[in-house]
Protein backbone atom coordinates (compact mmCIF):
# COMPACT_ATOMS: atom_id res chain seq x y z
CA UNK A 1 24.80 -0.61 10.16
CA UNK A 2 23.71 -3.98 11.47
CA UNK A 3 23.60 -7.58 10.43
CA UNK A 4 25.00 -10.93 11.31
CA UNK A 5 27.28 -13.58 9.94
CA UNK A 6 27.36 -17.20 11.01
CA UNK A 7 30.80 -18.80 10.96
CA UNK A 8 31.81 -22.34 11.75
CA UNK A 9 34.74 -22.68 14.14
CA UNK A 10 35.98 -25.45 16.43
CA UNK A 11 35.72 -23.18 19.49
CA UNK A 12 34.96 -19.60 20.57
CA UNK A 13 38.66 -18.66 20.61
CA UNK A 14 39.00 -19.51 16.92
CA UNK A 15 35.81 -17.57 16.15
CA UNK A 16 37.23 -14.53 17.95
CA UNK A 17 40.45 -14.86 15.96
CA UNK A 18 38.43 -14.90 12.73
CA UNK A 19 36.73 -11.59 13.58
CA UNK A 20 40.05 -9.74 13.67
CA UNK A 21 40.09 -9.77 9.85
CA UNK A 22 36.68 -8.08 9.53
CA UNK A 23 36.96 -4.81 7.55
CA UNK A 24 34.13 -3.29 9.62
CA UNK A 25 36.64 -2.90 12.46
CA UNK A 26 38.82 -0.69 10.23
CA UNK A 27 36.11 1.98 10.12
CA UNK A 28 35.51 2.02 13.88
CA UNK A 29 32.80 -0.63 13.94
CA UNK A 30 32.29 -3.08 16.76
CA UNK A 31 31.46 -6.76 16.68
CA UNK A 32 29.81 -9.15 19.09
CA UNK A 33 30.73 -12.82 19.02
CA UNK A 34 28.50 -15.40 20.64
CA UNK A 35 27.98 -19.12 20.45
CA UNK A 36 25.02 -20.37 18.47
CA UNK A 37 22.59 -22.37 20.54
CA UNK A 38 20.65 -25.02 18.67
CA UNK A 39 16.96 -24.96 19.47
CA UNK A 40 15.18 -28.31 19.39
CA UNK A 41 11.45 -27.83 19.09
């Protein structure tokens, strides 16, 4: 299974806290949290 979700959080610590409620973790899944980098082209 793969995919992504974009969340808005004031900082990375809050974003990490939000992932703890993800039901995917209950079935042995793993998550990666990273900061979104805005690309100006």
